[in-house]
């Protein structure tokens, strides 16, 4: 009675000629990343069931659908079904009527506000910008404060570094992807500093490197593999979705 699949693979169930209402519930995880047509595939499996329920789990303010087609982007497919719904009047916030339920109708929206991953100063700005300053810290202080006091931090109790690099953005041949050699070297320097920190011993799984360009991933990968750090994961934002690390290094190029 329980079937687990991707949104697209759910289309195979239509070929089984299941009776209408065979599935009473559909749960779509990471719905903020799925395109609208993708979401409608599994939703159609309960469309004829009068008591069927659809649950979209996700965050409309985080990663949206990844599209390769400019035509799809032009016609609005970059907006997820979750985001489109949350903008409808039925899902509007009402801080008076639903004061005890995060300002949303509890029959329609459940808003999760507990943050278990980040230091409070790191999510304070997105909390103000996107979540009406409602995010609360429930993280383990021993975990999120482990690098507070690190000598390389400009502010010892603020575990965030912005490092400007005067490099050159380059491309190779016909590749549309960009890379920045100086920025890649700076990433390596920070990796070495983090891994050599004797005050906070780190494993390879504790550190991750994010960059939006595939070519920059390749350049960083070559550098760190040559230094024996091949176990450090380097990838795009999408590749790190749902994961967490004690230290994240972002190369914006």
Foldseek 3Di string as FASTA:
>chain_A
DDDDDFLVVLLVVVVVVDDAQPDQEAEAEQQQADFAVSNVSVVVSHPPPPNHYYHYHHDVPDHHYDDDDPVCVVVPRRGGPVNVVCPDPQFDFQCVVPVVQLRGDVVPDHDDQEDAAEDCVVCQVVCVVPVVSRHDYPYDCCQHLVQQQPPPDPHSRRPDDDDDDPFDWDDPDPDPFIATLRLLVVVVVVVVVVCPPPSDHDDLQQEEEEEATPVNQVNNCVVVVVVVSNSRYYYHPVVCPPHHHSYYHYRHD
